C-alpha cells in the first residue's frame, strides 16, 4: 500500500513539474513570435507568424507546440532561406534557418500554415548555440497556435490527485 501512495505522490509531482515547464513564459525580451490568425474558409484557420529577435544573438530554430494529429498543420510555408517542418507525432512545427539566421536585431516573417483547429495559447522555443561552448541555449515564450484548450498536464495532475484521494480513503477505512 505504501507503493501506491508513493506512486500517487510521484504522479502529482511529475504533473506539477510538467505544468511548470509547459507554461514557463519567460521570454527575457529576446525573441517574440507574433501570430496573425484569420478564417481561411472551408473550416480552416490561417496562421501567419513573424519572429522578432531583439537579443544580441542569432537564433537557428523556432519550435511551436501544436496538437499532435496528422491533420493539424496543412500547407506549411517558410520564406526563402528558411525551412519549415511539421512532426505530427511530437506535435511540433519547426521554423529552421537554411542559409539565413533569425539574426540579432531583425524581424523575419512569411511563416504560415492552415489548420482545422482553432487557436489556443501555446508555447514556443527558440534555439541558438553558445558561441563559446557550442552548447544549446533555449528561450521560451507564449504564442497562439492550434492547441488543445486544456493542457494534458492538468489531466495528469487530476489523475495524481485522484490516486492520492483513493489511497487516503482506503487507508482511513483500513485504520478503522
N, C-alpha and C. Protein backbone atom coordinates (compact mmCIF):
# COMPACT_ATOMS: atom_id res chain seq x y z
N UNK A 1 0.82 -1.19 0.00
CA UNK A 1 0.00 0.00 0.00
C UNK A 1 0.86 1.26 0.00
N UNK A 2 2.03 1.16 0.63
CA UNK A 2 2.93 2.31 0.63
C UNK A 2 3.39 2.62 -0.79
N UNK A 3 3.54 1.59 -1.62
CA UNK A 3 3.97 1.80 -3.00
C UNK A 3 2.93 2.60 -3.79
N UNK A 4 1.63 2.34 -3.57
CA UNK A 4 0.61 3.09 -4.30
C UNK A 4 0.58 4.54 -3.86
N UNK A 5 0.83 4.82 -2.59
CA UNK A 5 0.90 6.20 -2.12
C UNK A 5 2.10 6.90 -2.73
N UNK A 6 3.23 6.22 -2.78
CA UNK A 6 4.43 6.80 -3.41
C UNK A 6 4.17 7.08 -4.88
N UNK A 7 3.49 6.14 -5.56
CA UNK A 7 3.18 6.32 -6.97
C UNK A 7 2.28 7.54 -7.17
N UNK A 8 1.25 7.70 -6.33
CA UNK A 8 0.35 8.84 -6.44
C UNK A 8 1.10 10.15 -6.21
N UNK A 9 1.96 10.17 -5.21
CA UNK A 9 2.76 11.37 -4.93
C UNK A 9 3.68 11.69 -6.11
N UNK A 10 4.28 10.65 -6.68
CA UNK A 10 5.16 10.83 -7.83
C UNK A 10 4.38 11.40 -9.02
N UNK A 11 3.16 10.90 -9.24
CA UNK A 11 2.32 11.42 -10.32
C UNK A 11 2.01 12.90 -10.12
N UNK A 12 1.66 13.28 -8.89
CA UNK A 12 1.35 14.68 -8.60
C UNK A 12 2.59 15.55 -8.83
N UNK A 13 3.74 15.11 -8.35
CA UNK A 13 4.98 15.86 -8.53
C UNK A 13 5.33 16.00 -10.01
N UNK A 14 5.24 14.90 -10.76
CA UNK A 14 5.54 14.94 -12.19
C UNK A 14 4.58 15.86 -12.91
N UNK A 15 3.31 15.84 -12.55
CA UNK A 15 2.32 16.71 -13.19
C UNK A 15 2.63 18.18 -12.92
N UNK A 16 2.98 18.48 -11.68
CA UNK A 16 3.32 19.86 -11.34
C UNK A 16 4.54 20.34 -12.12
N UNK A 17 5.55 19.47 -12.24
CA UNK A 17 6.74 19.84 -13.00
C UNK A 17 6.42 20.04 -14.47
N UNK A 18 5.61 19.16 -15.05
CA UNK A 18 5.22 19.32 -16.46
C UNK A 18 4.46 20.61 -16.67
N UNK A 19 3.57 20.95 -15.74
CA UNK A 19 2.83 22.20 -15.85
C UNK A 19 3.76 23.39 -15.80
N UNK A 20 4.70 23.35 -14.87
CA UNK A 20 5.63 24.47 -14.74
C UNK A 20 6.49 24.61 -15.98
N UNK A 21 6.97 23.51 -16.52
CA UNK A 21 7.80 23.58 -17.72
C UNK A 21 7.01 24.01 -18.93
N UNK A 22 5.79 23.51 -19.05
CA UNK A 22 4.97 23.82 -20.22
C UNK A 22 4.47 25.25 -20.25
N UNK A 23 4.45 25.92 -19.14
CA UNK A 23 3.91 27.27 -19.11
C UNK A 23 4.92 28.30 -18.67
N UNK A 24 6.18 28.00 -18.80
CA UNK A 24 7.19 28.98 -18.42
C UNK A 24 7.24 30.05 -19.49
N UNK A 25 6.63 31.13 -19.41
CA UNK A 25 6.61 32.12 -20.47
C UNK A 25 7.75 33.10 -20.38
N UNK A 26 8.90 32.72 -19.85
CA UNK A 26 9.99 33.67 -19.68
C UNK A 26 10.70 33.92 -21.01
N UNK A 27 10.46 35.07 -21.56
CA UNK A 27 10.99 35.41 -22.87
C UNK A 27 12.26 36.26 -22.74
N UNK A 28 12.42 36.96 -21.66
CA UNK A 28 13.59 37.80 -21.39
C UNK A 28 13.80 38.86 -22.48
N UNK A 29 12.74 39.25 -23.18
CA UNK A 29 12.84 40.28 -24.19
C UNK A 29 13.73 39.92 -25.37
N UNK A 30 14.01 38.66 -25.60
CA UNK A 30 14.93 38.27 -26.65
C UNK A 30 14.23 37.88 -27.95
N UNK A 31 13.23 37.03 -27.85
CA UNK A 31 12.56 36.54 -29.04
C UNK A 31 11.06 36.75 -28.86
N UNK A 32 10.42 37.32 -29.87
CA UNK A 32 8.97 37.47 -29.86
C UNK A 32 8.43 36.78 -31.10
N UNK A 33 7.48 35.89 -30.90
CA UNK A 33 6.82 35.21 -32.02
C UNK A 33 5.41 35.76 -32.09
N UNK A 34 5.11 36.46 -33.17
CA UNK A 34 3.80 37.08 -33.35
C UNK A 34 2.96 36.25 -34.31
N UNK A 35 1.70 36.04 -33.93
CA UNK A 35 0.79 35.26 -34.76
C UNK A 35 -0.37 36.13 -35.24
N UNK A 36 -0.71 35.97 -36.50
CA UNK A 36 -1.91 36.58 -37.06
C UNK A 36 -2.77 35.42 -37.55
N UNK A 37 -3.97 35.30 -36.97
CA UNK A 37 -4.85 34.19 -37.32
C UNK A 37 -6.10 34.75 -37.98
N UNK A 38 -6.52 34.11 -39.07
CA UNK A 38 -7.73 34.54 -39.77
C UNK A 38 -8.49 33.32 -40.28
N UNK A 39 -9.73 33.55 -40.68
CA UNK A 39 -10.56 32.49 -41.24
C UNK A 39 -10.12 32.25 -42.68
N UNK A 40 -9.69 31.03 -42.97
CA UNK A 40 -9.24 30.69 -44.33
C UNK A 40 -10.38 30.10 -45.17
N UNK A 41 -11.55 29.94 -44.57
CA UNK A 41 -12.68 29.35 -45.27
C UNK A 41 -12.62 27.83 -45.25
N UNK A 42 -13.74 27.20 -45.51
CA UNK A 42 -13.77 25.75 -45.54
C UNK A 42 -13.45 25.09 -44.21
N UNK A 43 -13.70 25.79 -43.10
CA UNK A 43 -13.42 25.23 -41.78
C UNK A 43 -11.97 25.29 -41.38
N UNK A 44 -11.15 26.06 -42.10
CA UNK A 44 -9.73 26.17 -41.79
C UNK A 44 -9.39 27.54 -41.22
N UNK A 45 -8.38 27.57 -40.38
CA UNK A 45 -7.82 28.82 -39.87
C UNK A 45 -6.46 29.02 -40.52
N UNK A 46 -6.15 30.27 -40.87
CA UNK A 46 -4.85 30.61 -41.44
C UNK A 46 -3.98 31.18 -40.33
N UNK A 47 -2.81 30.59 -40.15
CA UNK A 47 -1.84 31.03 -39.14
C UNK A 47 -0.65 31.63 -39.86
N UNK A 48 -0.30 32.89 -39.53
CA UNK A 48 0.88 33.55 -40.10
C UNK A 48 1.73 34.04 -38.93
N UNK A 49 3.03 33.74 -39.02
CA UNK A 49 3.94 34.08 -37.93
C UNK A 49 5.09 34.95 -38.41
N UNK A 50 5.54 35.83 -37.51
CA UNK A 50 6.80 36.55 -37.73
C UNK A 50 7.61 36.45 -36.44
N UNK A 51 8.92 36.41 -36.61
CA UNK A 51 9.85 36.25 -35.49
C UNK A 51 10.67 37.52 -35.36
N UNK A 52 10.59 38.16 -34.18
CA UNK A 52 11.40 39.35 -33.92
C UNK A 52 12.46 38.98 -32.90
N UNK A 53 13.71 39.22 -33.28
CA UNK A 53 14.85 38.91 -32.42
C UNK A 53 15.47 40.21 -31.93
N UNK A 54 15.21 40.56 -30.67
CA UNK A 54 15.78 41.79 -30.09
C UNK A 54 17.00 41.48 -29.21
N UNK A 55 17.47 40.24 -29.28
CA UNK A 55 18.64 39.86 -28.50
C UNK A 55 19.92 40.18 -29.27
N UNK A 56 21.05 40.09 -28.62
CA UNK A 56 22.32 40.28 -29.33
C UNK A 56 22.82 39.01 -30.02
N UNK A 57 22.01 37.95 -30.04
CA UNK A 57 22.43 36.66 -30.57
C UNK A 57 21.60 36.25 -31.79
N UNK A 58 22.21 35.45 -32.67
CA UNK A 58 21.50 34.84 -33.78
C UNK A 58 20.89 33.53 -33.30
N UNK A 59 19.64 33.27 -33.70
CA UNK A 59 18.97 32.01 -33.35
C UNK A 59 18.83 31.17 -34.61
N UNK A 60 18.79 29.84 -34.43
CA UNK A 60 18.76 28.91 -35.56
C UNK A 60 17.39 28.32 -35.84
N UNK A 61 16.56 28.18 -34.82
CA UNK A 61 15.29 27.49 -35.00
C UNK A 61 14.25 27.98 -34.00
N UNK A 62 12.99 27.87 -34.43
CA UNK A 62 11.84 28.16 -33.57
C UNK A 62 10.92 26.95 -33.65
N UNK A 63 10.49 26.43 -32.51
CA UNK A 63 9.56 25.30 -32.46
C UNK A 63 8.29 25.74 -31.74
N UNK A 64 7.14 25.39 -32.31
CA UNK A 64 5.85 25.73 -31.72
C UNK A 64 5.12 24.43 -31.37
N UNK A 65 4.59 24.35 -30.16
CA UNK A 65 3.81 23.19 -29.76
C UNK A 65 2.40 23.30 -30.35
N UNK A 66 1.95 22.23 -31.01
CA UNK A 66 0.61 22.16 -31.58
C UNK A 66 -0.01 20.80 -31.25
N UNK A 67 -1.26 20.60 -31.64
CA UNK A 67 -1.93 19.33 -31.41
C UNK A 67 -1.22 18.24 -32.21
N UNK A 68 -0.85 17.13 -31.56
CA UNK A 68 -0.15 16.05 -32.28
C UNK A 68 -1.12 15.16 -33.08
N UNK A 69 -1.63 15.68 -34.16
CA UNK A 69 -2.53 14.95 -35.07
C UNK A 69 -2.05 15.20 -36.49
N UNK A 70 -2.17 14.22 -37.38
CA UNK A 70 -1.68 14.39 -38.76
C UNK A 70 -2.30 15.57 -39.51
N UNK A 71 -3.57 15.91 -39.23
CA UNK A 71 -4.23 16.98 -39.98
C UNK A 71 -4.10 18.36 -39.33
N UNK A 72 -3.36 18.47 -38.22
CA UNK A 72 -3.24 19.74 -37.51
C UNK A 72 -2.65 20.84 -38.39
N UNK A 73 -1.58 20.55 -39.11
CA UNK A 73 -0.90 21.56 -39.92
C UNK A 73 -0.96 21.16 -41.39
N UNK A 74 -1.46 22.09 -42.20
CA UNK A 74 -1.56 21.87 -43.64
C UNK A 74 -0.98 23.08 -44.36
N UNK A 75 -0.51 22.88 -45.57
CA UNK A 75 0.00 23.98 -46.42
C UNK A 75 1.09 24.79 -45.71
N UNK A 76 2.06 24.10 -45.13
CA UNK A 76 3.15 24.73 -44.38
C UNK A 76 4.10 25.45 -45.33
N UNK A 77 4.37 26.73 -45.03
CA UNK A 77 5.21 27.57 -45.89
C UNK A 77 6.27 28.30 -45.06
N UNK A 78 7.47 28.40 -45.59
CA UNK A 78 8.54 29.18 -44.97
C UNK A 78 9.09 30.15 -46.01
N UNK A 79 9.59 31.31 -45.58
CA UNK A 79 10.19 32.25 -46.54
C UNK A 79 11.50 31.70 -47.11
N UNK A 80 11.98 32.33 -48.15
CA UNK A 80 13.25 31.95 -48.76
C UNK A 80 14.35 32.00 -47.69
N UNK A 81 15.27 31.08 -47.74
CA UNK A 81 16.39 30.95 -46.81
C UNK A 81 16.03 30.27 -45.49
N UNK A 82 14.78 29.80 -45.36
CA UNK A 82 14.33 29.08 -44.16
C UNK A 82 13.59 27.82 -44.60
N UNK A 83 13.51 26.86 -43.69
CA UNK A 83 12.73 25.64 -43.92
C UNK A 83 11.69 25.52 -42.82
N UNK A 84 10.62 24.78 -43.11
CA UNK A 84 9.58 24.54 -42.11
C UNK A 84 9.24 23.06 -42.11
N UNK A 85 9.03 22.51 -40.91
CA UNK A 85 8.72 21.09 -40.76
C UNK A 85 7.60 20.93 -39.75
N UNK A 86 6.77 19.89 -39.96
CA UNK A 86 5.73 19.55 -39.00
C UNK A 86 5.89 18.10 -38.61
N UNK A 87 6.00 17.83 -37.31
CA UNK A 87 6.07 16.47 -36.78
C UNK A 87 4.75 16.19 -36.08
N UNK A 88 3.88 15.42 -36.75
CA UNK A 88 2.55 15.16 -36.19
C UNK A 88 2.61 14.26 -34.97
N UNK A 89 3.66 13.46 -34.81
CA UNK A 89 3.80 12.60 -33.64
C UNK A 89 4.17 13.38 -32.40
N UNK A 90 5.08 14.34 -32.54
CA UNK A 90 5.50 15.16 -31.41
C UNK A 90 4.60 16.37 -31.20
N UNK A 91 3.88 16.77 -32.25
CA UNK A 91 3.07 17.97 -32.15
C UNK A 91 3.92 19.22 -32.15
N UNK A 92 4.82 19.31 -33.14
CA UNK A 92 5.72 20.47 -33.25
C UNK A 92 5.78 20.98 -34.68
N UNK A 93 5.74 22.29 -34.80
CA UNK A 93 6.04 22.97 -36.06
C UNK A 93 7.38 23.65 -35.86
N UNK A 94 8.33 23.39 -36.76
CA UNK A 94 9.67 23.96 -36.64
C UNK A 94 9.97 24.88 -37.81
N UNK A 95 10.44 26.08 -37.49
CA UNK A 95 10.95 27.02 -38.49
C UNK A 95 12.46 27.04 -38.29
N UNK A 96 13.21 26.64 -39.32
CA UNK A 96 14.65 26.42 -39.18
C UNK A 96 15.41 27.23 -40.22
N UNK A 97 16.54 27.79 -39.79
CA UNK A 97 17.39 28.52 -40.73
C UNK A 97 17.94 27.56 -41.77
N UNK A 98 17.96 28.00 -43.00
CA UNK A 98 18.52 27.22 -44.10
C UNK A 98 19.86 27.86 -44.48
N UNK A 99 19.79 29.07 -44.97
CA UNK A 99 21.01 29.83 -45.26
C UNK A 99 21.01 31.17 -44.53
N UNK A 100 19.91 31.51 -43.87
CA UNK A 100 19.75 32.78 -43.15
C UNK A 100 19.34 32.47 -41.72
N UNK A 101 19.89 33.17 -40.74
CA UNK A 101 19.52 33.00 -39.33
C UNK A 101 18.38 33.92 -38.96
N UNK A 102 17.83 33.68 -37.77
CA UNK A 102 16.98 34.68 -37.13
C UNK A 102 17.98 35.62 -36.48
N UNK A 103 18.54 36.50 -37.29
CA UNK A 103 19.69 37.33 -36.88
C UNK A 103 19.30 38.34 -35.81
N UNK A 104 20.28 38.69 -34.98
CA UNK A 104 20.08 39.68 -33.93
C UNK A 104 19.57 40.98 -34.54
N UNK A 105 18.55 41.55 -33.90
CA UNK A 105 18.02 42.83 -34.34
C UNK A 105 17.15 42.77 -35.57
N UNK A 106 16.66 41.60 -35.98
CA UNK A 106 15.84 41.50 -37.19
C UNK A 106 14.45 40.94 -36.89
N UNK A 107 13.56 41.14 -37.85
CA UNK A 107 12.24 40.51 -37.83
C UNK A 107 12.10 39.74 -39.13
N UNK A 108 11.72 38.47 -39.02
CA UNK A 108 11.53 37.61 -40.20
C UNK A 108 10.08 37.15 -40.21
N UNK A 109 9.40 37.39 -41.32
CA UNK A 109 8.00 36.96 -41.46
C UNK A 109 7.87 36.01 -42.63
N UNK A 110 6.63 35.59 -42.87
CA UNK A 110 6.38 34.72 -44.01
C UNK A 110 6.25 33.26 -43.66
N UNK A 111 6.17 32.92 -42.37
CA UNK A 111 5.94 31.54 -41.95
C UNK A 111 4.44 31.37 -41.82
N UNK A 112 3.88 30.34 -42.45
CA UNK A 112 2.43 30.18 -42.38
C UNK A 112 2.00 28.73 -42.58
N UNK A 113 0.77 28.46 -42.18
CA UNK A 113 0.11 27.18 -42.43
C UNK A 113 -1.38 27.36 -42.17
N UNK A 114 -2.16 26.37 -42.56
CA UNK A 114 -3.58 26.35 -42.24
C UNK A 114 -3.84 25.16 -41.32
N UNK A 115 -4.95 25.25 -40.58
CA UNK A 115 -5.30 24.19 -39.65
C UNK A 115 -6.81 24.19 -39.42
N UNK A 116 -7.40 23.01 -39.23
CA UNK A 116 -8.81 22.96 -38.88
C UNK A 116 -9.05 23.26 -37.39
N UNK A 117 -7.97 23.41 -36.62
CA UNK A 117 -8.09 23.64 -35.19
C UNK A 117 -7.96 25.13 -34.86
N UNK A 118 -8.81 25.58 -33.95
CA UNK A 118 -8.82 26.99 -33.53
C UNK A 118 -7.60 27.32 -32.68
N UNK A 119 -7.23 28.59 -32.64
CA UNK A 119 -6.06 29.00 -31.85
C UNK A 119 -6.32 28.94 -30.35
N UNK A 120 -5.30 28.52 -29.64
CA UNK A 120 -5.29 28.48 -28.18
C UNK A 120 -3.88 28.90 -27.73
N UNK A 121 -3.74 29.32 -26.49
CA UNK A 121 -2.39 29.63 -26.00
C UNK A 121 -1.50 28.39 -26.07
N UNK A 122 -0.28 28.59 -26.50
CA UNK A 122 0.69 27.51 -26.64
C UNK A 122 2.07 28.04 -26.27
N UNK A 123 3.05 27.19 -26.41
CA UNK A 123 4.43 27.55 -26.07
C UNK A 123 5.32 27.42 -27.30
N UNK A 124 6.27 28.33 -27.44
CA UNK A 124 7.30 28.18 -28.46
C UNK A 124 8.66 28.17 -27.79
N UNK A 125 9.62 27.57 -28.49
CA UNK A 125 11.00 27.53 -28.01
C UNK A 125 11.91 28.01 -29.13
N UNK A 126 12.80 28.93 -28.82
CA UNK A 126 13.80 29.42 -29.77
C UNK A 126 15.15 28.81 -29.39
N UNK A 127 15.90 28.38 -30.38
CA UNK A 127 17.17 27.69 -30.14
C UNK A 127 18.33 28.45 -30.78
N UNK A 128 19.41 28.57 -30.01
CA UNK A 128 20.67 29.07 -30.54
C UNK A 128 21.77 28.24 -29.91
N UNK A 129 22.99 28.38 -30.43
CA UNK A 129 24.13 27.67 -29.87
C UNK A 129 25.10 28.68 -29.32
N UNK A 130 25.55 28.45 -28.09
CA UNK A 130 26.50 29.35 -27.44
C UNK A 130 27.77 29.42 -28.28
N UNK A 131 28.20 30.64 -28.60
CA UNK A 131 29.35 30.82 -29.49
C UNK A 131 30.67 30.36 -28.87
N UNK A 132 30.74 30.29 -27.53
CA UNK A 132 31.97 29.85 -26.87
C UNK A 132 32.02 28.34 -26.66
N UNK A 133 30.94 27.78 -26.11
CA UNK A 133 30.94 26.36 -25.76
C UNK A 133 30.27 25.48 -26.81
N UNK A 134 29.44 26.08 -27.65
CA UNK A 134 28.69 25.29 -28.62
C UNK A 134 27.46 24.62 -28.02
N UNK A 135 27.21 24.85 -26.73
CA UNK A 135 26.06 24.26 -26.06
C UNK A 135 24.76 24.91 -26.54
N UNK A 136 23.68 24.13 -26.60
CA UNK A 136 22.40 24.72 -27.00
C UNK A 136 21.84 25.63 -25.90
N UNK A 137 21.26 26.74 -26.32
CA UNK A 137 20.62 27.69 -25.41
C UNK A 137 19.21 27.89 -25.93
N UNK A 138 18.21 27.77 -25.05
CA UNK A 138 16.83 27.94 -25.48
C UNK A 138 16.16 29.08 -24.73
N UNK A 139 15.20 29.68 -25.40
CA UNK A 139 14.36 30.72 -24.84
C UNK A 139 12.93 30.30 -25.14
N UNK A 140 12.04 30.39 -24.16
CA UNK A 140 10.65 30.00 -24.37
C UNK A 140 9.73 31.21 -24.24
N UNK A 141 8.56 31.08 -24.83
CA UNK A 141 7.56 32.13 -24.75
C UNK A 141 6.20 31.59 -25.10
N UNK A 142 5.21 32.46 -25.10
CA UNK A 142 3.84 32.09 -25.40
C UNK A 142 3.42 32.62 -26.76
N UNK A 143 2.54 31.87 -27.42
CA UNK A 143 2.03 32.25 -28.73
C UNK A 143 0.71 31.52 -28.96
N UNK A 144 -0.11 32.01 -29.87
CA UNK A 144 -1.33 31.31 -30.24
C UNK A 144 -1.00 30.29 -31.33
N UNK A 145 -1.56 29.08 -31.18
CA UNK A 145 -1.32 28.01 -32.14
C UNK A 145 -2.46 27.01 -32.03
N UNK A 146 -2.59 26.10 -33.02
CA UNK A 146 -3.59 25.04 -32.87
C UNK A 146 -3.21 24.18 -31.68
N UNK A 147 -4.01 24.24 -30.65
CA UNK A 147 -3.66 23.58 -29.40
C UNK A 147 -4.93 23.13 -28.71
N UNK A 148 -4.83 22.10 -27.88
CA UNK A 148 -5.99 21.69 -27.11
C UNK A 148 -6.24 22.73 -26.03
N UNK A 149 -7.51 23.04 -25.74
CA UNK A 149 -7.81 24.10 -24.79
C UNK A 149 -7.30 23.83 -23.38
N UNK A 150 -7.33 22.58 -22.92
CA UNK A 150 -6.87 22.27 -21.58
C UNK A 150 -5.61 21.43 -21.68
N UNK A 151 -4.49 21.89 -21.12
CA UNK A 151 -3.24 21.14 -21.26
C UNK A 151 -3.33 19.74 -20.65
N UNK A 152 -2.64 18.82 -21.26
CA UNK A 152 -2.62 17.44 -20.80
C UNK A 152 -2.06 17.34 -19.39
N UNK A 153 -1.18 18.25 -19.01
CA UNK A 153 -0.58 18.18 -17.68
C UNK A 153 -1.64 18.37 -16.59
N UNK A 154 -2.69 19.13 -16.88
CA UNK A 154 -3.77 19.29 -15.91
C UNK A 154 -4.46 17.94 -15.71
N UNK A 155 -4.62 17.18 -16.79
CA UNK A 155 -5.20 15.84 -16.70
C UNK A 155 -4.36 14.97 -15.78
N UNK A 156 -3.03 14.98 -15.99
CA UNK A 156 -2.16 14.16 -15.16
C UNK A 156 -2.18 14.60 -13.69
N UNK A 157 -2.30 15.89 -13.46
CA UNK A 157 -2.42 16.38 -12.09
C UNK A 157 -3.69 15.82 -11.46
N UNK A 158 -4.79 15.83 -12.21
CA UNK A 158 -6.06 15.27 -11.72
C UNK A 158 -5.95 13.79 -11.41
N UNK A 159 -5.28 13.04 -12.29
CA UNK A 159 -5.09 11.61 -12.06
C UNK A 159 -4.28 11.38 -10.79
N UNK A 160 -3.25 12.14 -10.59
CA UNK A 160 -2.42 12.01 -9.39
C UNK A 160 -3.20 12.34 -8.13
N UNK A 161 -4.00 13.41 -8.17
CA UNK A 161 -4.80 13.79 -7.01
C UNK A 161 -5.87 12.74 -6.72
N UNK A 162 -6.48 12.19 -7.77
CA UNK A 162 -7.47 11.13 -7.58
C UNK A 162 -6.83 9.90 -6.93
N UNK A 163 -5.63 9.56 -7.37
CA UNK A 163 -4.91 8.44 -6.77
C UNK A 163 -4.61 8.68 -5.30
N UNK A 164 -4.20 9.90 -4.98
CA UNK A 164 -3.93 10.25 -3.58
C UNK A 164 -5.19 10.16 -2.75
N UNK A 165 -6.30 10.68 -3.28
CA UNK A 165 -7.57 10.65 -2.56
C UNK A 165 -8.02 9.21 -2.31
N UNK A 166 -7.91 8.37 -3.34
CA UNK A 166 -8.30 6.97 -3.21
C UNK A 166 -7.44 6.29 -2.16
N UNK A 167 -6.16 6.54 -2.21
CA UNK A 167 -5.23 5.93 -1.26
C UNK A 167 -5.54 6.39 0.16
N UNK A 168 -5.81 7.68 0.34
CA UNK A 168 -6.12 8.22 1.65
C UNK A 168 -7.42 7.62 2.17
N UNK A 169 -8.41 7.50 1.29
CA UNK A 169 -9.70 6.92 1.66
C UNK A 169 -9.52 5.47 2.09
N UNK A 170 -8.78 4.70 1.32
CA UNK A 170 -8.56 3.29 1.66
C UNK A 170 -7.81 3.16 2.98
N UNK A 171 -6.85 4.02 3.16
CA UNK A 171 -6.06 3.98 4.39
C UNK A 171 -6.93 4.29 5.60
N UNK A 172 -7.86 5.24 5.44
CA UNK A 172 -8.79 5.58 6.51
C UNK A 172 -9.72 4.43 6.84
N UNK A 173 -10.16 3.68 5.80
CA UNK A 173 -11.05 2.54 6.03
C UNK A 173 -10.33 1.39 6.72
N UNK A 174 -9.08 1.18 6.39
CA UNK A 174 -8.30 0.09 6.99
C UNK A 174 -7.99 0.42 8.45
N UNK A 175 -7.72 1.66 8.77
CA UNK A 175 -7.35 2.06 10.13
C UNK A 175 -8.52 1.91 11.10
N UNK A 176 -9.75 1.94 10.59
CA UNK A 176 -10.93 1.87 11.48
C UNK A 176 -11.10 0.55 12.04
